[in-house]
Amino acid sequence: MRKSTKVPRILKIHQIDGFKITCVFNTGEYKTIDFGKRLHNVSETDPKYALKDIHAFQQVVVNESHTLAWPNIKVKFRSFEKLGEMKEAPLDLDPVVLYDSGEDYEAPYKNKYGRLLREARKSAGLTQDQLAERSGTTKTYISKIENGRSGIELDTLEKIVSVGLGKELSISIGRTETERQEKTKRLGRSYSRTSSESKRWRGPKDIKDQKTGLTSSEEQKG
């Protein structure tokens, strides 16, 4: 049963694990589609049969129509413009079918702040009643936040943390995985350049004395 009236469309691929793909939909939900099951009875004449090859399968992308597509697998179809003419296009699948057949996946951010609040409350030795009284809210609301049953208003969360727990609320936006990889590459290139420069350094014996104009090795010979 859908939780949204939106027509499901895929925004991004969250992860690929073997023949399982977890997608982020425009409904805000994460869904895992198990293609191992979906491809079990696919015949050799079906274009989707090529997806049984794990290497071909994992070349999946999200296309402009916001669904899963495989640019490496071509599907032939008859042109509507010119009768009899055959055309080719990448294999793609209906996002509505993918949504309906997918299993709910707990988003990585789901109830993150609820868990943190519970840990901080217990660390402070407070019950939900005590924290609610200190924060000027209700035990029911604290319970809903801790169990992920309620959306969190930032102002309310800040009041609970600062007034109720006597702590400071800190929120940060970190780098994406792509940005982290790029930073690692830059550091690697920087280290490589530093190593190359150190190899070109020949040491004190080759430095000319400003007074004599001779290197240390030449002075020893003299």
C-alpha atoms as a PDB file:
ATOM      1  CA  MET A   1       0.000   0.000   0.000  1.00  0.00           C
ATOM      2  CA  ARG A   2       1.413   3.374  -1.014  1.00  0.00           C
ATOM      3  CA  LYS A   3       2.075   6.004   1.639  1.00  0.00           C
ATOM      4  CA  SER A   4       1.925   8.849  -0.878  1.00  0.00           C
ATOM      5  CA  THR A   5      -0.331  10.004  -3.706  1.00  0.00           C
ATOM      6  CA  LYS A   6       2.711  10.831  -5.852  1.00  0.00           C
ATOM      7  CA  VAL A   7       3.434   8.697  -8.905  1.00  0.00           C
ATOM      8  CA  PRO A   8       6.580   6.827  -7.794  1.00  0.00           C
ATOM      9  CA  ARG A   9       9.808   7.886  -9.495  1.00  0.00           C
ATOM     10  CA  ILE A  10      13.369   6.923  -8.578  1.00  0.00           C
ATOM     11  CA  LEU A  11      15.623   9.772  -7.453  1.00  0.00           C
ATOM     12  CA  LYS A  12      18.828   7.835  -6.854  1.00  0.00           C
ATOM     13  CA  ILE A  13      20.343   4.429  -6.194  1.00  0.00           C
ATOM     14  CA  HIS A  14      21.238   4.132  -2.514  1.00  0.00           C
ATOM     15  CA  GLN A  15      23.155   0.863  -2.730  1.00  0.00           C
ATOM     16  CA  ILE A  16      23.670  -2.271  -4.810  1.00  0.00           C
ATOM     17  CA  ASP A  17      24.186  -5.590  -3.050  1.00  0.00           C
ATOM     18  CA  GLY A  18      24.497  -8.467  -5.485  1.00  0.00           C
ATOM     19  CA  PHE A  19      21.187  -8.605  -7.344  1.00  0.00           C
ATOM     20  CA  LYS A  20      19.474  -6.328  -4.822  1.00  0.00           C
ATOM     21  CA  ILE A  21      19.115  -2.618  -5.533  1.00  0.00           C
ATOM     22  CA  THR A  22      17.952  -0.143  -2.895  1.00  0.00           C
ATOM     23  CA  CYS A  23      16.454   3.010  -4.396  1.00  0.00           C
ATOM     24  CA  VAL A  24      15.326   6.364  -3.040  1.00  0.00           C
ATOM     25  CA  PHE A  25      11.883   7.276  -4.405  1.00  0.00           C
ATOM     26  CA  ASN A  26      10.307  10.716  -4.748  1.00  0.00           C
ATOM     27  CA  THR A  27       7.826   9.643  -2.065  1.00  0.00           C
ATOM     28  CA  GLY A  28      10.671   9.879   0.461  1.00  0.00           C
ATOM     29  CA  GLU A  29      10.746   6.097   0.870  1.00  0.00           C
ATOM     30  CA  TYR A  30      13.635   3.686   0.422  1.00  0.00           C
ATOM     31  CA  LYS A  31      12.764   0.441  -1.363  1.00  0.00           C
ATOM     32  CA  THR A  32      14.870  -2.665  -1.970  1.00  0.00           C
ATOM     33  CA  ILE A  33      14.131  -4.585  -5.169  1.00  0.00           C
ATOM     34  CA  ASP A  34      15.366  -8.181  -5.194  1.00  0.00           C
ATOM     35  CA  PHE A  35      16.103  -8.929  -8.841  1.00  0.00           C
ATOM     36  CA  GLY A  36      17.341 -12.393  -7.947  1.00  0.00           C
ATOM     37  CA  LYS A  37      13.686 -13.336  -7.443  1.00  0.00           C
ATOM     38  CA  ARG A  38      12.366 -11.247 -10.340  1.00  0.00           C
ATOM     39  CA  LEU A  39      14.786 -12.776 -12.855  1.00  0.00           C
ATOM     40  CA  HIS A  40      14.321 -16.366 -11.725  1.00  0.00           C
ATOM     41  CA  ASN A  41      11.743 -17.306 -14.382  1.00  0.00           C
ATOM     42  CA  VAL A  42      12.869 -14.946 -17.171  1.00  0.00           C
ATOM     43  CA  SER A  43      13.264 -16.776 -20.485  1.00  0.00           C
ATOM     44  CA  GLU A  44      16.302 -16.478 -22.774  1.00  0.00           C
ATOM     45  CA  THR A  45      14.219 -14.600 -25.356  1.00  0.00           C
ATOM     46  CA  ASP A  46      13.414 -11.838 -22.856  1.00  0.00           C
ATOM     47  CA  PRO A  47      15.836  -8.844 -22.983  1.00  0.00           C
ATOM     48  CA  LYS A  48      15.930  -8.934 -19.175  1.00  0.00           C
ATOM     49  CA  TYR A  49      17.670 -12.320 -19.374  1.00  0.00           C
ATOM     50  CA  ALA A  50      20.957 -10.426 -19.862  1.00  0.00           C
ATOM     51  CA  LEU A  51      20.558  -9.075 -16.324  1.00  0.00           C
ATOM     52  CA  LYS A  52      21.361 -12.520 -14.944  1.00  0.00           C
ATOM     53  CA  ASP A  53      24.998 -11.649 -15.618  1.00  0.00           C
ATOM     54  CA  ILE A  54      26.066  -9.872 -12.413  1.00  0.00           C
ATOM     55  CA  HIS A  55      28.585  -7.638 -14.210  1.00  0.00           C
ATOM     56  CA  ALA A  56      25.986  -6.516 -16.745  1.00  0.00           C
ATOM     57  CA  PHE A  57      23.387  -6.119 -14.004  1.00  0.00           C
ATOM     58  CA  GLN A  58      25.519  -3.810 -11.864  1.00  0.00           C
ATOM     59  CA  GLN A  59      25.950  -1.275 -14.687  1.00  0.00           C
ATOM     60  CA  VAL A  60      22.498   0.016 -13.760  1.00  0.00           C
ATOM     61  CA  VAL A  61      21.811   3.778 -13.718  1.00  0.00           C
ATOM     62  CA  VAL A  62      18.881   6.100 -13.042  1.00  0.00           C
ATOM     63  CA  ASN A  63      17.850   7.577 -16.388  1.00  0.00           C
ATOM     64  CA  GLU A  64      16.105  10.836 -17.331  1.00  0.00           C
ATOM     65  CA  SER A  65      12.719   9.183 -16.798  1.00  0.00           C
ATOM     66  CA  HIS A  66      13.699   8.547 -13.164  1.00  0.00           C
ATOM     67  CA  THR A  67      13.719   4.789 -13.313  1.00  0.00           C
ATOM     68  CA  LEU A  68      16.325   2.019 -13.464  1.00  0.00           C
ATOM     69  CA  ALA A  69      17.989   1.542 -16.835  1.00  0.00           C
ATOM     70  CA  TRP A  70      20.874  -0.426 -18.327  1.00  0.00           C
ATOM     71  CA  PRO A  71      22.676   1.467 -21.142  1.00  0.00           C
ATOM     72  CA  ASN A  72      24.731  -1.672 -21.839  1.00  0.00           C
ATOM     73  CA  ILE A  73      21.628  -3.716 -22.737  1.00  0.00           C
ATOM     74  CA  LYS A  74      19.679  -2.691 -25.833  1.00  0.00           C
ATOM     75  CA  VAL A  75      16.030  -3.420 -26.517  1.00  0.00           C
ATOM     76  CA  LYS A  76      14.646  -3.440 -30.063  1.00  0.00           C
ATOM     77  CA  PHE A  77      11.192  -2.065 -30.794  1.00  0.00           C
ATOM     78  CA  ARG A  78       9.127  -0.992 -33.781  1.00  0.00           C
ATOM     79  CA  SER A  79       9.035   2.698 -34.590  1.00  0.00           C
ATOM     80  CA  PHE A  80       5.674   4.444 -34.304  1.00  0.00           C
ATOM     81  CA  GLU A  81       6.834   7.089 -36.763  1.00  0.00           C
ATOM     82  CA  LYS A  82       7.914   4.785 -39.574  1.00  0.00           C
ATOM     83  CA  LEU A  83       6.060   1.510 -39.881  1.00  0.00           C
ATOM     84  CA  GLY A  84       8.329  -1.483 -40.109  1.00  0.00           C
ATOM     85  CA  GLU A  85      11.429   0.386 -38.918  1.00  0.00           C
ATOM     86  CA  MET A  86      13.199  -1.108 -35.897  1.00  0.00           C
ATOM     87  CA  LYS A  87      14.852   1.050 -33.255  1.00  0.00           C
ATOM     88  CA  GLU A  88      17.026   0.394 -30.222  1.00  0.00           C
ATOM     89  CA  ALA A  89      16.959   1.855 -26.725  1.00  0.00           C
ATOM     90  CA  PRO A  90      18.514   0.971 -23.361  1.00  0.00           C
ATOM     91  CA  LEU A  91      16.576  -1.510 -21.253  1.00  0.00           C
ATOM     92  CA  ASP A  92      14.558   0.219 -18.535  1.00  0.00           C
ATOM     93  CA  LEU A  93      11.809  -0.835 -16.135  1.00  0.00           C
ATOM     94  CA  ASP A  94       8.541   0.711 -15.000  1.00  0.00           C
ATOM     95  CA  PRO A  95       9.204   2.671 -11.765  1.00  0.00           C
ATOM     96  CA  VAL A  96       5.663   2.028 -10.501  1.00  0.00           C
ATOM     97  CA  VAL A  97       6.174  -1.732 -10.824  1.00  0.00           C
ATOM     98  CA  LEU A  98       9.557  -1.440  -9.091  1.00  0.00           C
ATOM     99  CA  TYR A  99       8.013   0.569  -6.262  1.00  0.00           C
ATOM    100  CA  ASP A 100       5.128  -1.871  -5.765  1.00  0.00           C
ATOM    101  CA  SER A 101       7.421  -4.915  -5.792  1.00  0.00           C
ATOM    102  CA  GLY A 102      10.086  -3.371  -3.552  1.00  0.00           C
ATOM    103  CA  GLU A 103      10.445  -4.054   0.148  1.00  0.00           C
ATOM    104  CA  ASP A 104      10.619  -1.222   2.666  1.00  0.00           C
ATOM    105  CA  TYR A 105      14.163  -0.351   3.667  1.00  0.00           C
ATOM    106  CA  GLU A 106      14.958   1.652   6.781  1.00  0.00           C
ATOM    107  CA  ALA A 107      16.564   4.887   5.651  1.00  0.00           C
ATOM    108  CA  PRO A 108      20.042   5.467   7.131  1.00  0.00           C
ATOM    109  CA  TYR A 109      18.897   8.724   8.692  1.00  0.00           C
ATOM    110  CA  LYS A 110      15.615   7.351  10.054  1.00  0.00           C
ATOM    111  CA  ASN A 111      15.197   8.006  13.779  1.00  0.00           C
ATOM    112  CA  LYS A 112      18.849   9.045  14.058  1.00  0.00           C
ATOM    113  CA  TYR A 113      17.992  11.972  16.312  1.00  0.00           C
ATOM    114  CA  GLY A 114      15.499   9.932  18.301  1.00  0.00           C
ATOM    115  CA  ARG A 115      18.211   7.418  19.178  1.00  0.00           C
ATOM    116  CA  LEU A 116      20.644  10.205  20.082  1.00  0.00           C
ATOM    117  CA  LEU A 117      18.036  11.854  22.313  1.00  0.00           C
ATOM    118  CA  ARG A 118      17.309   8.588  24.138  1.00  0.00           C
ATOM    119  CA  GLU A 119      21.029   7.958  24.723  1.00  0.00           C
ATOM    120  CA  ALA A 120      21.577  11.511  26.017  1.00  0.00           C
ATOM    121  CA  ARG A 121      18.522  11.301  28.300  1.00  0.00           C
ATOM    122  CA  LYS A 122      19.631   7.998  29.825  1.00  0.00           C
ATOM    123  CA  SER A 123      23.188   9.282  30.184  1.00  0.00           C
ATOM    124  CA  ALA A 124      21.790  12.233  32.151  1.00  0.00           C
ATOM    125  CA  GLY A 125      19.830   9.815  34.361  1.00  0.00           C
ATOM    126  CA  LEU A 126      16.450  11.273  33.390  1.00  0.00           C
ATOM    127  CA  THR A 127      13.126   9.576  32.722  1.00  0.00           C
ATOM    128  CA  GLN A 128      10.932  10.691  29.828  1.00  0.00           C
ATOM    129  CA  ASP A 129       8.625  12.378  32.374  1.00  0.00           C
ATOM    130  CA  GLN A 130      11.494  14.330  33.919  1.00  0.00           C
ATOM    131  CA  LEU A 131      12.882  15.452  30.550  1.00  0.00           C
ATOM    132  CA  ALA A 132       9.419  16.491  29.383  1.00  0.00           C
ATOM    133  CA  GLU A 133       8.836  18.539  32.546  1.00  0.00           C
ATOM    134  CA  ARG A 134      12.199  20.287  32.222  1.00  0.00           C
ATOM    135  CA  SER A 135      11.637  21.026  28.520  1.00  0.00           C
ATOM    136  CA  GLY A 136       8.068  22.250  28.847  1.00  0.00           C
ATOM    137  CA  THR A 137       6.652  19.479  26.672  1.00  0.00           C
ATOM    138  CA  THR A 138       4.908  16.136  27.218  1.00  0.00           C
ATOM    139  CA  LYS A 139       6.158  12.619  27.867  1.00  0.00           C
ATOM    140  CA  THR A 140       4.118  11.469  24.844  1.00  0.00           C
ATOM    141  CA  TYR A 141       6.023  13.825  22.544  1.00  0.00           C
ATOM    142  CA  ILE A 142       9.415  12.743  23.947  1.00  0.00           C
ATOM    143  CA  SER A 143       8.403   9.100  23.461  1.00  0.00           C
ATOM    144  CA  LYS A 144       7.310   9.720  19.865  1.00  0.00           C
ATOM    145  CA  ILE A 145      10.623  11.402  19.014  1.00  0.00           C
ATOM    146  CA  GLU A 146      12.693   8.635  20.613  1.00  0.00           C
ATOM    147  CA  ASN A 147      10.759   5.937  18.763  1.00  0.00           C
ATOM    148  CA  GLY A 148      10.682   7.690  15.392  1.00  0.00           C
ATOM    149  CA  ARG A 149       6.910   8.140  15.386  1.00  0.00           C
ATOM    150  CA  SER A 150       6.952  11.905  15.041  1.00  0.00           C
ATOM    151  CA  GLY A 151       8.639  14.479  12.860  1.00  0.00           C
ATOM    152  CA  ILE A 152      11.034  16.693  14.773  1.00  0.00           C
ATOM    153  CA  GLU A 153      10.794  20.470  14.768  1.00  0.00           C
ATOM    154  CA  LEU A 154      14.279  21.936  15.059  1.00  0.00           C
ATOM    155  CA  ASP A 155      13.246  24.662  17.528  1.00  0.00           C
ATOM    156  CA  THR A 156      11.585  22.101  19.805  1.00  0.00           C
ATOM    157  CA  LEU A 157      14.559  19.738  19.631  1.00  0.00           C
ATOM    158  CA  GLU A 158      16.931  22.589  20.489  1.00  0.00           C
ATOM    159  CA  LYS A 159      14.784  23.477  23.534  1.00  0.00           C
ATOM    160  CA  ILE A 160      14.729  19.854  24.707  1.00  0.00           C
ATOM    161  CA  VAL A 161      18.498  19.532  24.339  1.00  0.00           C
ATOM    162  CA  SER A 162      19.520  22.929  25.757  1.00  0.00           C
ATOM    163  CA  VAL A 163      16.891  23.398  28.481  1.00  0.00           C
ATOM    164  CA  GLY A 164      15.981  19.801  29.288  1.00  0.00           C
ATOM    165  CA  LEU A 165      19.433  18.209  29.022  1.00  0.00           C
ATOM    166  CA  GLY A 166      21.622  21.270  29.538  1.00  0.00           C
ATOM    167  CA  LYS A 167      23.587  20.474  26.406  1.00  0.00           C
ATOM    168  CA  GLU A 168      24.311  22.235  23.127  1.00  0.00           C
ATOM    169  CA  LEU A 169      22.636  21.063  19.919  1.00  0.00           C
ATOM    170  CA  SER A 170      25.123  20.749  17.066  1.00  0.00           C
ATOM    171  CA  ILE A 171      24.124  19.860  13.495  1.00  0.00           C
ATOM    172  CA  SER A 172      26.595  19.502  10.633  1.00  0.00           C
ATOM    173  CA  ILE A 173      26.401  18.646   6.943  1.00  0.00           C
ATOM    174  CA  GLY A 174      29.228  16.317   5.951  1.00  0.00           C
ATOM    175  CA  ARG A 175      30.864  15.510   2.662  1.00  0.00           C
ATOM    176  CA  THR A 176      29.274  13.073   0.238  1.00  0.00           C
ATOM    177  CA  GLU A 177      31.070   9.819  -0.562  1.00  0.00           C
ATOM    178  CA  THR A 178      32.160  11.295  -3.917  1.00  0.00           C
ATOM    179  CA  GLU A 179      33.643  14.352  -2.188  1.00  0.00           C
ATOM    180  CA  ARG A 180      35.475  12.146   0.326  1.00  0.00           C
ATOM    181  CA  GLN A 181      36.958  10.052  -2.483  1.00  0.00           C
ATOM    182  CA  GLU A 182      38.063  13.177  -4.351  1.00  0.00           C
ATOM    183  CA  LYS A 183      39.746  14.543  -1.220  1.00  0.00           C
ATOM    184  CA  THR A 184      41.559  11.224  -0.758  1.00  0.00           C
ATOM    185  CA  LYS A 185      42.793  11.399  -4.357  1.00  0.00           C
ATOM    186  CA  ARG A 186      44.033  14.974  -3.862  1.00  0.00           C
ATOM    187  CA  LEU A 187      45.893  13.987  -0.706  1.00  0.00           C
ATOM    188  CA  GLY A 188      47.415  11.053  -2.589  1.00  0.00           C
ATOM    189  CA  ARG A 189      48.618  13.300  -5.405  1.00  0.00           C
ATOM    190  CA  SER A 190      50.020  15.792  -2.878  1.00  0.00           C
ATOM    191  CA  TYR A 191      51.898  13.015  -1.070  1.00  0.00           C
ATOM    192  CA  SER A 192      53.257  11.746  -4.385  1.00  0.00           C
ATOM    193  CA  ARG A 193      54.594  15.201  -5.296  1.00  0.00           C
ATOM    194  CA  THR A 194      56.158  15.617  -1.845  1.00  0.00           C
ATOM    195  CA  SER A 195      57.847  12.218  -2.138  1.00  0.00           C
ATOM    196  CA  SER A 196      59.233  13.078  -5.579  1.00  0.00           C
ATOM    197  CA  GLU A 197      60.622  16.393  -4.331  1.00  0.00           C
ATOM    198  CA  SER A 198      62.273  14.736  -1.335  1.00  0.00           C
ATOM    199  CA  LYS A 199      63.979  12.256  -3.643  1.00  0.00           C
ATOM    200  CA  ARG A 200      65.470  15.145  -5.608  1.00  0.00           C
ATOM    201  CA  TRP A 201      66.908  16.605  -2.385  1.00  0.00           C
ATOM    202  CA  ARG A 202      70.578  15.671  -2.324  1.00  0.00           C
ATOM    203  CA  GLY A 203      71.432  16.497   1.258  1.00  0.00           C
ATOM    204  CA  PRO A 204      73.841  18.908   3.031  1.00  0.00           C
ATOM    205  CA  LYS A 205      76.987  17.551   1.363  1.00  0.00           C
ATOM    206  CA  ASP A 206      75.916  19.034  -1.962  1.00  0.00           C
ATOM    207  CA  ILE A 207      75.050  22.506  -0.632  1.00  0.00           C
ATOM    208  CA  LYS A 208      77.585  25.176  -1.563  1.00  0.00           C
ATOM    209  CA  ASP A 209      79.133  27.142   1.263  1.00  0.00           C
ATOM    210  CA  GLN A 210      78.223  30.797   0.845  1.00  0.00           C
ATOM    211  CA  LYS A 211      81.769  31.914   1.800  1.00  0.00           C
ATOM    212  CA  THR A 212      83.960  29.420  -0.115  1.00  0.00           C
ATOM    213  CA  GLY A 213      81.630  28.630  -3.000  1.00  0.00           C
ATOM    214  CA  LEU A 214      82.488  24.936  -2.579  1.00  0.00           C
ATOM    215  CA  THR A 215      80.214  22.038  -1.772  1.00  0.00           C
ATOM    216  CA  SER A 216      80.877  19.952   1.325  1.00  0.00           C
ATOM    217  CA  SER A 217      82.183  17.097  -0.835  1.00  0.00           C
ATOM    218  CA  GLU A 218      84.587  19.453  -2.680  1.00  0.00           C
ATOM    219  CA  GLU A 219      85.908  20.812   0.629  1.00  0.00           C
ATOM    220  CA  GLN A 220      86.661  17.282   1.780  1.00  0.00           C
ATOM    221  CA  LYS A 221      88.611  16.602  -1.411  1.00  0.00           C
ATOM    222  CA  GLY A 222      90.592  19.802  -0.928  1.00  0.00           C
END
